[in-house]
Each structure stands twice: as C-alpha cells, then as structure tokens.
C-alpha atoms as a PDB file:
ATOM      1  CA  UNK A   1       0.003   0.101   0.439  1.00  0.00           C
ATOM      2  CA  UNK A   2       1.282   3.364  -1.282  1.00  0.00           C
ATOM      3  CA  UNK A   3       1.508   5.498   2.385  1.00  0.00           C
ATOM      4  CA  UNK A   4       2.200   9.607   0.634  1.00  0.00           C
ATOM      5  CA  UNK A   5       1.624  11.753   3.605  1.00  0.00           C
ATOM      6  CA  UNK A   6       2.894  11.740   7.243  1.00  0.00           C
ATOM      7  CA  UNK A   7       3.419  13.687  10.228  1.00  0.00           C
ATOM      8  CA  UNK A   8       6.145  13.383  12.509  1.00  0.00           C
ATOM      9  CA  UNK A   9       8.301  14.989  15.261  1.00  0.00           C
ATOM     10  CA  UNK A  10      11.705  16.147  14.718  1.00  0.00           C
ATOM     11  CA  UNK A  11      13.709  16.925  17.710  1.00  0.00           C
ATOM     12  CA  UNK A  12      17.427  17.694  17.273  1.00  0.00           C
ATOM     13  CA  UNK A  13      20.190  16.920  19.869  1.00  0.00           C
ATOM     14  CA  UNK A  14      21.169  19.218  22.998  1.00  0.00           C
ATOM     15  CA  UNK A  15      24.284  21.132  23.164  1.00  0.00           C
ATOM     16  CA  UNK A  16      26.138  19.514  26.414  1.00  0.00           C
ATOM     17  CA  UNK A  17      27.350  21.138  29.124  1.00  0.00           C
ATOM     18  CA  UNK A  18      30.610  22.889  29.536  1.00  0.00           C
ATOM     19  CA  UNK A  19      32.245  21.430  32.812  1.00  0.00           C
ATOM     20  CA  UNK A  20      33.872  23.469  36.152  1.00  0.00           C
ATOM     21  CA  UNK A  21      36.847  22.202  36.655  1.00  0.00           C
ATOM     22  CA  UNK A  22      40.605  22.554  38.558  1.00  0.00           C
ATOM     23  CA  UNK A  23      43.905  21.700  37.772  1.00  0.00           C
ATOM     24  CA  UNK A  24      44.821  19.331  40.677  1.00  0.00           C
ATOM     25  CA  UNK A  25      48.373  18.651  39.914  1.00  0.00           C
ATOM     26  CA  UNK A  26      50.657  17.232  42.511  1.00  0.00           C
ATOM     27  CA  UNK A  27      53.096  20.362  42.929  1.00  0.00           C
ATOM     28  CA  UNK A  28      50.415  22.946  41.599  1.00  0.00           C
ATOM     29  CA  UNK A  29      48.682  24.340  44.280  1.00  0.00           C
ATOM     30  CA  UNK A  30      46.518  26.331  43.322  1.00  0.00           C
ATOM     31  CA  UNK A  31      45.816  25.032  39.746  1.00  0.00           C
ATOM     32  CA  UNK A  32      43.623  26.956  37.345  1.00  0.00           C
ATOM     33  CA  UNK A  33      40.507  26.714  35.762  1.00  0.00           C
ATOM     34  CA  UNK A  34      40.315  23.535  33.171  1.00  0.00           C
ATOM     35  CA  UNK A  35      36.785  22.585  32.487  1.00  0.00           C
ATOM     36  CA  UNK A  36      36.600  21.767  28.869  1.00  0.00           C
ATOM     37  CA  UNK A  37      33.295  22.864  26.515  1.00  0.00           C
ATOM     38  CA  UNK A  38      30.143  20.383  26.055  1.00  0.00           C
ATOM     39  CA  UNK A  39      29.535  18.789  22.428  1.00  0.00           C
ATOM     40  CA  UNK A  40      27.304  20.224  19.899  1.00  0.00           C
ATOM     41  CA  UNK A  41      24.125  18.199  19.484  1.00  0.00           C
ATOM     42  CA  UNK A  42      23.383  16.250  16.642  1.00  0.00           C
ATOM     43  CA  UNK A  43      21.510  17.864  13.485  1.00  0.00           C
ATOM     44  CA  UNK A  44      18.013  16.077  12.137  1.00  0.00           C
ATOM     45  CA  UNK A  45      19.245  15.773   7.886  1.00  0.00           C
ATOM     46  CA  UNK A  46      15.914  14.553   5.189  1.00  0.00           C
ATOM     47  CA  UNK A  47      17.464  13.191   2.246  1.00  0.00           C
ATOM     48  CA  UNK A  48      15.522  12.326  -0.702  1.00  0.00           C
ATOM     49  CA  UNK A  49      16.374   8.247  -1.957  1.00  0.00           C
ATOM     50  CA  UNK A  50      15.003   6.779  -4.979  1.00  0.00           C
ATOM     51  CA  UNK A  51      15.331   3.502  -3.179  1.00  0.00           C
ATOM     52  CA  UNK A  52      12.975   4.447  -0.718  1.00  0.00           C
ATOM     53  CA  UNK A  53       9.285   4.053  -2.341  1.00  0.00           C
ATOM     54  CA  UNK A  54       6.494   5.538   0.096  1.00  0.00           C
ATOM     55  CA  UNK A  55       6.582   6.969   3.918  1.00  0.00           C
ATOM     56  CA  UNK A  56       5.655   3.965   5.409  1.00  0.00           C
ATOM     57  CA  UNK A  57       8.227   4.246   7.953  1.00  0.00           C
ATOM     58  CA  UNK A  58       7.010   7.842   9.005  1.00  0.00           C
ATOM     59  CA  UNK A  59       3.333   6.501   9.411  1.00  0.00           C
ATOM     60  CA  UNK A  60       4.907   3.653  11.507  1.00  0.00           C
ATOM     61  CA  UNK A  61       7.258   5.954  13.594  1.00  0.00           C
ATOM     62  CA  UNK A  62       6.398   9.104  14.829  1.00  0.00           C
ATOM     63  CA  UNK A  63       9.031  10.479  16.983  1.00  0.00           C
ATOM     64  CA  UNK A  64      12.614  11.274  15.712  1.00  0.00           C
ATOM     65  CA  UNK A  65      15.155  12.595  17.967  1.00  0.00           C
ATOM     66  CA  UNK A  66      18.986  13.511  17.337  1.00  0.00           C
ATOM     67  CA  UNK A  67      21.773  12.630  19.960  1.00  0.00           C
ATOM     68  CA  UNK A  68      22.553  14.897  22.558  1.00  0.00           C
ATOM     69  CA  UNK A  69      26.166  16.336  23.238  1.00  0.00           C
ATOM     70  CA  UNK A  70      28.170  14.872  25.679  1.00  0.00           C
ATOM     71  CA  UNK A  71      29.222  17.593  28.561  1.00  0.00           C
ATOM     72  CA  UNK A  72      32.836  19.194  28.772  1.00  0.00           C
ATOM     73  CA  UNK A  73      35.404  17.691  31.353  1.00  0.00           C
ATOM     74  CA  UNK A  74      38.452  18.490  32.795  1.00  0.00           C
ATOM     75  CA  UNK A  75      41.334  18.966  31.589  1.00  0.00           C
ATOM     76  CA  UNK A  76      40.332  21.024  29.091  1.00  0.00           C
ATOM     77  CA  UNK A  77      38.422  18.411  27.404  1.00  0.00           C
ATOM     78  CA  UNK A  78      35.695  18.864  24.551  1.00  0.00           C
ATOM     79  CA  UNK A  79      32.577  16.585  25.379  1.00  0.00           C
ATOM     80  CA  UNK A  80      31.879  14.628  22.155  1.00  0.00           C
ATOM     81  CA  UNK A  81      29.360  15.987  19.763  1.00  0.00           C
ATOM     82  CA  UNK A  82      26.219  14.427  19.781  1.00  0.00           C
ATOM     83  CA  UNK A  83      25.930  11.982  16.377  1.00  0.00           C
ATOM     84  CA  UNK A  84      23.406  13.484  13.322  1.00  0.00           C
ATOM     85  CA  UNK A  85      20.000  11.129  12.423  1.00  0.00           C
ATOM     86  CA  UNK A  86      19.880  10.744   8.530  1.00  0.00           C
ATOM     87  CA  UNK A  87      16.126  10.261   7.946  1.00  0.00           C
ATOM     88  CA  UNK A  88      15.497   8.785   3.727  1.00  0.00           C
ATOM     89  CA  UNK A  89      12.191   9.979   2.415  1.00  0.00           C
ATOM     90  CA  UNK A  90      11.448   8.957  -1.257  1.00  0.00           C
ATOM     91  CA  UNK A  91      12.467  11.552  -4.492  1.00  0.00           C
ATOM     92  CA  UNK A  92       9.584  13.852  -4.733  1.00  0.00           C
ATOM     93  CA  UNK A  93       8.853  14.670  -0.966  1.00  0.00           C
ATOM     94  CA  UNK A  94       7.353  18.233   0.108  1.00  0.00           C
ATOM     95  CA  UNK A  95       8.253  19.347   3.540  1.00  0.00           C
ATOM     96  CA  UNK A  96       5.796  20.856   5.107  1.00  0.00           C
ATOM     97  CA  UNK A  97       5.905  23.184   8.666  1.00  0.00           C
ATOM     98  CA  UNK A  98       2.844  21.219   9.921  1.00  0.00           C
ATOM     99  CA  UNK A  99       1.985  24.473  12.033  1.00  0.00           C
ATOM    100  CA  UNK A 100       1.911  26.914   9.224  1.00  0.00           C
ATOM    101  CA  UNK A 101       1.482  24.626   6.844  1.00  0.00           C
ATOM    102  CA  UNK A 102       4.500  26.082   4.304  1.00  0.00           C
ATOM    103  CA  UNK A 103       6.872  24.682   2.588  1.00  0.00           C
ATOM    104  CA  UNK A 104       9.765  24.627   3.905  1.00  0.00           C
ATOM    105  CA  UNK A 105      11.631  21.934   1.165  1.00  0.00           C
ATOM    106  CA  UNK A 106      10.639  20.012  -1.978  1.00  0.00           C
ATOM    107  CA  UNK A 107      12.656  17.028  -2.143  1.00  0.00           C
ATOM    108  CA  UNK A 108      12.201  16.139  -6.208  1.00  0.00           C
ATOM    109  CA  UNK A 109      15.731  15.200  -7.440  1.00  0.00           C
ATOM    110  CA  UNK A 110      17.765  11.739  -5.822  1.00  0.00           C
ATOM    111  CA  UNK A 111      20.330  13.177  -3.363  1.00  0.00           C
ATOM    112  CA  UNK A 112      19.017  16.452  -2.516  1.00  0.00           C
ATOM    113  CA  UNK A 113      19.052  17.341   1.615  1.00  0.00           C
ATOM    114  CA  UNK A 114      17.827  19.562   3.962  1.00  0.00           C
ATOM    115  CA  UNK A 115      18.456  20.123   7.643  1.00  0.00           C
ATOM    116  CA  UNK A 116      15.613  20.086   9.036  1.00  0.00           C
ATOM    117  CA  UNK A 117      16.385  20.573  13.078  1.00  0.00           C
ATOM    118  CA  UNK A 118      20.037  22.129  14.126  1.00  0.00           C
ATOM    119  CA  UNK A 119      21.723  20.534  16.938  1.00  0.00           C
ATOM    120  CA  UNK A 120      22.459  23.325  20.021  1.00  0.00           C
ATOM    121  CA  UNK A 121      25.704  24.447  20.596  1.00  0.00           C
ATOM    122  CA  UNK A 122      27.816  23.052  23.308  1.00  0.00           C
ATOM    123  CA  UNK A 123      27.932  25.157  26.236  1.00  0.00           C
ATOM    124  CA  UNK A 124      31.515  27.203  27.040  1.00  0.00           C
ATOM    125  CA  UNK A 125      33.794  25.619  30.369  1.00  0.00           C
ATOM    126  CA  UNK A 126      34.964  27.874  33.478  1.00  0.00           C
ATOM    127  CA  UNK A 127      38.477  28.158  31.809  1.00  0.00           C
ATOM    128  CA  UNK A 128      36.896  30.625  29.144  1.00  0.00           C
ATOM    129  CA  UNK A 129      35.937  32.771  32.267  1.00  0.00           C
ATOM    130  CA  UNK A 130      39.077  32.893  34.182  1.00  0.00           C
ATOM    131  CA  UNK A 131      40.098  37.017  34.649  1.00  0.00           C
ATOM    132  CA  UNK A 132      42.852  39.119  36.627  1.00  0.00           C
ATOM    133  CA  UNK A 133      39.856  39.654  39.046  1.00  0.00           C
ATOM    134  CA  UNK A 134      38.355  35.815  38.681  1.00  0.00           C
ATOM    135  CA  UNK A 135      41.288  33.140  39.369  1.00  0.00           C
ATOM    136  CA  UNK A 136      39.294  30.912  40.009  1.00  0.00           C
ATOM    137  CA  UNK A 137      35.640  30.847  38.458  1.00  0.00           C
ATOM    138  CA  UNK A 138      32.545  28.371  39.016  1.00  0.00           C
ATOM    139  CA  UNK A 139      31.048  29.908  35.914  1.00  0.00           C
ATOM    140  CA  UNK A 140      30.132  27.644  32.958  1.00  0.00           C
ATOM    141  CA  UNK A 141      27.440  27.791  30.429  1.00  0.00           C
ATOM    142  CA  UNK A 142      24.812  25.097  29.520  1.00  0.00           C
ATOM    143  CA  UNK A 143      24.200  23.755  26.084  1.00  0.00           C
ATOM    144  CA  UNK A 144      21.920  25.372  24.028  1.00  0.00           C
ATOM    145  CA  UNK A 145      18.378  22.764  23.050  1.00  0.00           C
ATOM    146  CA  UNK A 146      18.406  21.682  19.242  1.00  0.00           C
ATOM    147  CA  UNK A 147      15.301  22.648  17.274  1.00  0.00           C
ATOM    148  CA  UNK A 148      12.276  20.941  17.615  1.00  0.00           C
ATOM    149  CA  UNK A 149       9.642  20.990  14.691  1.00  0.00           C
ATOM    150  CA  UNK A 150       6.543  19.635  13.547  1.00  0.00           C
ATOM    151  CA  UNK A 151       6.422  18.315   9.915  1.00  0.00           C
ATOM    152  CA  UNK A 152       4.234  17.066   7.126  1.00  0.00           C
ATOM    153  CA  UNK A 153       5.712  15.247   4.495  1.00  0.00           C
ATOM    154  CA  UNK A 154       3.955  14.772   1.655  1.00  0.00           C
ATOM    155  CA  UNK A 155       5.459  12.648  -1.609  1.00  0.00           C
ATOM    156  CA  UNK A 156       4.421  13.620  -5.263  1.00  0.00           C
ATOM    157  CA  UNK A 157       5.940  10.915  -7.378  1.00  0.00           C
ATOM    158  CA  UNK A 158       8.525  11.854  -9.988  1.00  0.00           C
ATOM    159  CA  UNK A 159       7.439  10.779 -13.851  1.00  0.00           C
ATOM    160  CA  UNK A 160       8.029  12.486 -17.121  1.00  0.00           C
ATOM    161  CA  UNK A 161       3.740  11.403 -18.499  1.00  0.00           C
ATOM    162  CA  UNK A 162       0.957  11.151 -16.486  1.00  0.00           C
ATOM    163  CA  UNK A 163      -2.360   8.721 -17.401  1.00  0.00           C
ATOM    164  CA  UNK A 164      -5.340   9.634 -16.842  1.00  0.00           C
ATOM    165  CA  UNK A 165      -8.982   8.558 -17.778  1.00  0.00           C
ATOM    166  CA  UNK A 166     -12.295   7.305 -16.697  1.00  0.00           C
ATOM    167  CA  UNK A 167     -12.583   4.038 -14.801  1.00  0.00           C
ATOM    168  CA  UNK A 168     -11.209   1.082 -17.558  1.00  0.00           C
ATOM    169  CA  UNK A 169      -9.488   3.617 -19.830  1.00  0.00           C
ATOM    170  CA  UNK A 170      -7.123   1.432 -20.651  1.00  0.00           C
ATOM    171  CA  UNK A 171      -4.784   3.048 -18.270  1.00  0.00           C
ATOM    172  CA  UNK A 172      -2.859  -0.511 -16.205  1.00  0.00           C
ATOM    173  CA  UNK A 173      -3.052  -2.582 -19.437  1.00  0.00           C
ATOM    174  CA  UNK A 174      -1.116   0.367 -21.275  1.00  0.00           C
ATOM    175  CA  UNK A 175       1.401   1.157 -18.470  1.00  0.00           C
ATOM    176  CA  UNK A 176       1.943  -3.202 -18.785  1.00  0.00           C
ATOM    177  CA  UNK A 177       2.567  -3.144 -22.132  1.00  0.00           C
ATOM    178  CA  UNK A 178       5.184  -0.352 -22.503  1.00  0.00           C
ATOM    179  CA  UNK A 179       7.165  -1.270 -19.095  1.00  0.00           C
ATOM    180  CA  UNK A 180       7.849  -3.895 -16.577  1.00  0.00           C
ATOM    181  CA  UNK A 181       4.823  -2.171 -14.541  1.00  0.00           C
ATOM    182  CA  UNK A 182       2.568  -5.212 -12.902  1.00  0.00           C
ATOM    183  CA  UNK A 183      -0.534  -3.152 -12.155  1.00  0.00           C
ATOM    184  CA  UNK A 184      -3.872  -5.510 -11.252  1.00  0.00           C
ATOM    185  CA  UNK A 185      -6.049  -5.539 -14.789  1.00  0.00           C
ATOM    186  CA  UNK A 186      -9.579  -6.615 -14.690  1.00  0.00           C
ATOM    187  CA  UNK A 187     -12.818  -5.931 -16.480  1.00  0.00           C
ATOM    188  CA  UNK A 188     -14.253  -3.549 -13.744  1.00  0.00           C
ATOM    189  CA  UNK A 189     -13.477  -0.414 -12.363  1.00  0.00           C
ATOM    190  CA  UNK A 190     -11.230   0.441  -9.776  1.00  0.00           C
ATOM    191  CA  UNK A 191      -8.874  -1.888 -10.088  1.00  0.00           C
ATOM    192  CA  UNK A 192      -5.597   0.774  -9.973  1.00  0.00           C
ATOM    193  CA  UNK A 193      -5.913   1.300  -6.233  1.00  0.00           C
ATOM    194  CA  UNK A 194      -2.787   3.197  -5.926  1.00  0.00           C
ATOM    195  CA  UNK A 195      -0.732   4.702  -8.642  1.00  0.00           C
ATOM    196  CA  UNK A 196       1.817   2.234 -10.638  1.00  0.00           C
ATOM    197  CA  UNK A 197       5.035   3.667 -12.077  1.00  0.00           C
ATOM    198  CA  UNK A 198       6.349   2.559 -15.495  1.00  0.00           C
ATOM    199  CA  UNK A 199      10.151   3.136 -17.184  1.00  0.00           C
ATOM    200  CA  UNK A 200      10.403   3.132 -20.473  1.00  0.00           C
ATOM    201  CA  UNK A 201      13.438   2.540 -22.225  1.00  0.00           C
ATOM    202  CA  UNK A 202      12.862   4.178 -25.925  1.00  0.00           C
ATOM    203  CA  UNK A 203      15.862   5.212 -28.185  1.00  0.00           C
ATOM    204  CA  UNK A 204      18.314   5.825 -25.667  1.00  0.00           C
ATOM    205  CA  UNK A 205      15.849   7.835 -23.205  1.00  0.00           C
ATOM    206  CA  UNK A 206      13.819   6.827 -20.236  1.00  0.00           C
ATOM    207  CA  UNK A 207      10.615   7.713 -19.588  1.00  0.00           C
ATOM    208  CA  UNK A 208       8.898   7.469 -16.770  1.00  0.00           C
ATOM    209  CA  UNK A 209       5.173   6.706 -16.718  1.00  0.00           C
ATOM    210  CA  UNK A 210       2.660   7.740 -13.649  1.00  0.00           C
ATOM    211  CA  UNK A 211      -0.606   5.791 -14.027  1.00  0.00           C
ATOM    212  CA  UNK A 212      -3.033   6.857 -11.288  1.00  0.00           C
ATOM    213  CA  UNK A 213      -6.665   4.949 -10.519  1.00  0.00           C
ATOM    214  CA  UNK A 214      -9.588   6.837 -12.667  1.00  0.00           C
ATOM    215  CA  UNK A 215     -11.553   9.319 -12.078  1.00  0.00           C
ATOM    216  CA  UNK A 216     -15.173   9.784 -12.245  1.00  0.00           C
ATOM    217  CA  UNK A 217     -17.076  12.940 -12.129  1.00  0.00           C
ATOM    218  CA  UNK A 218     -16.202  15.089  -8.271  1.00  0.00           C
ATOM    219  CA  UNK A 219     -13.420  13.699  -7.872  1.00  0.00           C
ATOM    220  CA  UNK A 220     -11.483  17.003  -7.384  1.00  0.00           C
ATOM    221  CA  UNK A 221     -14.440  17.567  -4.681  1.00  0.00           C
ATOM    222  CA  UNK A 222     -13.579  13.765  -3.137  1.00  0.00           C
ATOM    223  CA  UNK A 223     -15.483  11.424  -4.899  1.00  0.00           C
ATOM    224  CA  UNK A 224     -14.085   7.992  -5.941  1.00  0.00           C
ATOM    225  CA  UNK A 225     -10.811   7.073  -5.602  1.00  0.00           C
ATOM    226  CA  UNK A 226      -8.533   9.078  -8.213  1.00  0.00           C
ATOM    227  CA  UNK A 227      -8.421  12.511  -6.068  1.00  0.00           C
ATOM    228  CA  UNK A 228      -6.247  11.721  -3.190  1.00  0.00           C
ATOM    229  CA  UNK A 229      -3.620  10.626  -6.212  1.00  0.00           C
ATOM    230  CA  UNK A 230      -3.648  13.870  -8.387  1.00  0.00           C
ATOM    231  CA  UNK A 231      -1.087  15.087  -7.568  1.00  0.00           C
ATOM    232  CA  UNK A 232       1.290  12.511  -7.896  1.00  0.00           C
ATOM    233  CA  UNK A 233       0.741  14.126 -11.845  1.00  0.00           C
ATOM    234  CA  UNK A 234       1.465  17.529 -10.408  1.00  0.00           C
ATOM    235  CA  UNK A 235       5.131  17.300 -11.779  1.00  0.00           C
ATOM    236  CA  UNK A 236       4.642  15.246 -14.825  1.00  0.00           C
ATOM    237  CA  UNK A 237       5.798  17.403 -18.015  1.00  0.00           C
ATOM    238  CA  UNK A 238       3.249  15.628 -20.102  1.00  0.00           C
ATOM    239  CA  UNK A 239      -0.394  13.714 -19.662  1.00  0.00           C
ATOM    240  CA  UNK A 240      -1.923  10.871 -21.559  1.00  0.00           C
ATOM    241  CA  UNK A 241      -5.982  11.060 -21.652  1.00  0.00           C
ATOM    242  CA  UNK A 242      -6.862   7.974 -22.532  1.00  0.00           C
ATOM    243  CA  UNK A 243     -10.031   7.351 -24.191  1.00  0.00           C
ATOM    244  CA  UNK A 244     -12.170   4.436 -24.066  1.00  0.00           C
ATOM    245  CA  UNK A 245     -12.607   4.161 -27.767  1.00  0.00           C
ATOM    246  CA  UNK A 246     -16.329   2.059 -27.417  1.00  0.00           C
ATOM    247  CA  UNK A 247     -17.717   4.516 -25.127  1.00  0.00           C
ATOM    248  CA  UNK A 248     -21.458   5.701 -26.464  1.00  0.00           C
ATOM    249  CA  UNK A 249     -20.208   9.482 -26.129  1.00  0.00           C
ATOM    250  CA  UNK A 250     -16.428   9.877 -25.775  1.00  0.00           C
ATOM    251  CA  UNK A 251     -16.645  14.159 -26.401  1.00  0.00           C
ATOM    252  CA  UNK A 252     -18.643  13.206 -22.931  1.00  0.00           C
ATOM    253  CA  UNK A 253     -15.909  11.364 -21.258  1.00  0.00           C
ATOM    254  CA  UNK A 254     -13.283  13.677 -22.064  1.00  0.00           C
ATOM    255  CA  UNK A 255     -14.868  16.433 -20.426  1.00  0.00           C
ATOM    256  CA  UNK A 256     -15.517  14.821 -17.530  1.00  0.00           C
ATOM    257  CA  UNK A 257     -11.438  14.450 -16.997  1.00  0.00           C
ATOM    258  CA  UNK A 258     -10.658  18.110 -17.992  1.00  0.00           C
ATOM    259  CA  UNK A 259     -13.043  19.198 -15.198  1.00  0.00           C
ATOM    260  CA  UNK A 260     -11.809  17.402 -12.711  1.00  0.00           C
ATOM    261  CA  UNK A 261      -8.223  18.143 -14.097  1.00  0.00           C
ATOM    262  CA  UNK A 262      -9.607  21.672 -13.767  1.00  0.00           C
ATOM    263  CA  UNK A 263     -11.372  21.173 -10.527  1.00  0.00           C
ATOM    264  CA  UNK A 264      -8.026  20.210  -8.335  1.00  0.00           C
ATOM    265  CA  UNK A 265      -5.343  22.478 -10.247  1.00  0.00           C
ATOM    266  CA  UNK A 266      -5.627  24.896 -12.989  1.00  0.00           C
ATOM    267  CA  UNK A 267      -1.491  24.292 -13.029  1.00  0.00           C
ATOM    268  CA  UNK A 268      -2.476  20.608 -13.578  1.00  0.00           C
ATOM    269  CA  UNK A 269      -5.041  21.793 -16.062  1.00  0.00           C
ATOM    270  CA  UNK A 270      -2.916  23.634 -18.601  1.00  0.00           C
ATOM    271  CA  UNK A 271      -0.129  20.776 -18.882  1.00  0.00           C
ATOM    272  CA  UNK A 272       0.671  19.205 -22.461  1.00  0.00           C
ATOM    273  CA  UNK A 273      -1.790  16.884 -22.974  1.00  0.00           C
ATOM    274  CA  UNK A 274      -2.025  13.868 -25.617  1.00  0.00           C
ATOM    275  CA  UNK A 275      -5.396  12.590 -26.043  1.00  0.00           C
ATOM    276  CA  UNK A 276      -5.322   8.651 -27.071  1.00  0.00           C
ATOM    277  CA  UNK A 277      -7.812   6.099 -28.163  1.00  0.00           C
ATOM    278  CA  UNK A 278      -7.424   2.959 -26.259  1.00  0.00           C
ATOM    279  CA  UNK A 279      -9.083  -0.613 -26.791  1.00  0.00           C
ATOM    280  CA  UNK A 280      -9.432  -0.015 -30.648  1.00  0.00           C
ATOM    281  CA  UNK A 281      -9.222  -3.579 -31.475  1.00  0.00           C
ATOM    282  CA  UNK A 282     -12.697  -3.586 -29.644  1.00  0.00           C
ATOM    283  CA  UNK A 283     -14.275  -1.052 -32.728  1.00  0.00           C
ATOM    284  CA  UNK A 284     -14.726  -1.277 -36.377  1.00  0.00           C
ATOM    285  CA  UNK A 285     -13.558   1.786 -37.343  1.00  0.00           C
ATOM    286  CA  UNK A 286     -12.561   5.037 -35.788  1.00  0.00           C
ATOM    287  CA  UNK A 287     -15.560   7.613 -34.765  1.00  0.00           C
ATOM    288  CA  UNK A 288     -14.688  10.738 -36.842  1.00  0.00           C
ATOM    289  CA  UNK A 289     -16.492  13.912 -34.564  1.00  0.00           C
ATOM    290  CA  UNK A 290     -14.523  13.442 -31.808  1.00  0.00           C
ATOM    291  CA  UNK A 291     -10.326  14.680 -31.964  1.00  0.00           C
ATOM    292  CA  UNK A 292      -7.751  13.225 -30.504  1.00  0.00           C
ATOM    293  CA  UNK A 293      -4.226  12.916 -31.534  1.00  0.00           C
ATOM    294  CA  UNK A 294      -3.453   8.708 -31.297  1.00  0.00           C
ATOM    295  CA  UNK A 295      -5.747   5.569 -31.544  1.00  0.00           C
ATOM    296  CA  UNK A 296      -4.749   2.180 -29.740  1.00  0.00           C
ATOM    297  CA  UNK A 297      -4.944  -1.047 -28.852  1.00  0.00           C
ATOM    298  CA  UNK A 298      -2.221  -1.695 -25.687  1.00  0.00           C
ATOM    299  CA  UNK A 299      -3.471  -5.518 -25.739  1.00  0.00           C
ATOM    300  CA  UNK A 300      -2.617  -6.429 -29.050  1.00  0.00           C
ATOM    301  CA  UNK A 301       0.585  -2.930 -28.986  1.00  0.00           C
ATOM    302  CA  UNK A 302      -1.145  -1.365 -31.917  1.00  0.00           C
ATOM    303  CA  UNK A 303      -0.013   1.948 -31.774  1.00  0.00           C
ATOM    304  CA  UNK A 304       2.272   1.643 -29.513  1.00  0.00           C
ATOM    305  CA  UNK A 305       5.590   2.379 -31.263  1.00  0.00           C
ATOM    306  CA  UNK A 306       3.503   5.943 -32.439  1.00  0.00           C
ATOM    307  CA  UNK A 307       2.618   6.533 -29.317  1.00  0.00           C
ATOM    308  CA  UNK A 308       6.256   6.573 -27.423  1.00  0.00           C
ATOM    309  CA  UNK A 309       7.661   8.493 -30.386  1.00  0.00           C
ATOM    310  CA  UNK A 310       5.038  11.140 -30.153  1.00  0.00           C
ATOM    311  CA  UNK A 311       5.870  11.485 -26.602  1.00  0.00           C
ATOM    312  CA  UNK A 312       9.653  10.824 -26.944  1.00  0.00           C
ATOM    313  CA  UNK A 313       9.708  14.166 -29.456  1.00  0.00           C
ATOM    314  CA  UNK A 314       7.306  16.256 -26.859  1.00  0.00           C
ATOM    315  CA  UNK A 315      10.178  15.405 -23.805  1.00  0.00           C
END
C-alpha cells in the first residue's frame, strides 16, 4: 500500500554543558580552571533517495530525535558531539511545517538534502571565564537546546508522463504493455487503487510513466479514488489522456476528466495533453466526430510505437 502522507515530530540534539573543573596536580597547589566545553548536539538531516518508495516508515514511527552532545570534562576536554540523524525519504517528498503548512523544501531530485533541525551548540567550560579578577571561576555555560519542529511529509511522484482517464479506460493495460510494471488489471472499475510507476527505455531515453486510479465526476471534491492521487501527476511534463473508444459518448468522457483537472489545479489543467483513443481492437472503425491525437490498442500493441515516438518528441 502506498503511504504518501505522514506527520512526524523532529528533535535535534541538545548541546552538552560546559564543565567546571580545576587542575589538581601534585606540585601545583593552586591550579587554575580547566573545564572543557560541551559537545554540539546532533542535527536532523532529511535526504531524498530513489531507493525509498513510500513514507511507510514515518506513518509507523512518529518521533525522531538526534543524539545530545556530551558535557565537557576536566583537562579542557571537549565533550563528544551528538551524532546527526539521517532520515531518507522518497525522491519527490515535500516537507511542510505542520503548524503553518508552509513549504520548507521540495526534495524533487535524488540526493537532495535539508537540515531540518540543527543541533544545539555546546556550552563553554569555566576555562573561558578566567580573568585577572576571577582566578577561580565557577561559571559555565549550559548547552543550547536543539531545534524542534513538527513536519508534514507529502510525497508527489516524479514522472515524465501522467496517464489519466475514466475507470477502465485502459491505463493499467497500457503501462503494463510498455513497461515492466505489473498493475492489477480486470474488467471492472477501480482495479487500480494506487499510483503505478513504469520506466520505458525508448531511443536511448528513459521515460517514467505514472498511472493513477481512474477519475470520476466529482473526483476533485473527493468522490472515488483518483482525487487522492491527482497530486502525483502535478510534476509530470505531459498528460496522456486515455479515452475508451467503445464508450457511447467520447466527448462527455473527455469533458468529465478535463473538468476534474481544472477543479483540482488550474496549473495541472494547463499541462501539455495527448488525447489517445484506447481499445481500438474492440471497434470496427475509428470515430470521425471526436478530435484525438493517436489511437492505440494496448492489448494488441497496435499504435504503441507511434505513441512512444510522439511522447519522446514532446519531451
């Protein structure tokens, strides 16, 4: 199951306290201060990785803390710094401040990182407070607290082409025909329950397709399944709009999907779109009253090479 939303609490490590200490050497009866500084607290760093698929780990565990810095010690020894905590998330994850809902970072490329909470600085030992008028200072500085934040993680898949259409328009059959993706396929609505990614190598180019669950009228307001996953095609460069050629009203089917895109996001609706008739192996002749770019049959692979060529050219 795809987990694409999570809320977590982040806490960087506190800095260690500075030490109060005095030299105790055999022939130095009045040794001076030698308290060391505290170590810095560990930071929390979030890194995007193509080897992570979902936010499942962050839906299960809610609190993530980096290590605190150790306190200073005698002989001016600095405390050990706390270890940074590295959190890996899928490439395409957005980081939001959960309280203000302000976007902090969009990790939309492999290996991007964000120090989401910085560790506190270690405090100063009493060595730093020695002066002509204060030869035996007992002052020290406590370590600073680490930063804390409540985060909302939102995953938007990174793909070149988003496949959209009504339920049973043939989206899953198409992605399984052109890639190694193996989504569930059946002759009833909503066989796709979550987005599927498929990679296609075509003319020395790697093209990533994203197939989302079928949209129905009212999807942008929460009806059906597809609305939850519309965000996953917001990053795509092209929308591949599949229209079932066996439908009784092709124009109505097309308008239904277009309306849902516009209601969900005007930016999404403005993306380049290829209108493709699907399942043409099931009809006797192509319609002449409906405007489309290409016609295909994923089941028989008819027209797929033309489709991939067109997509590659557009990209």
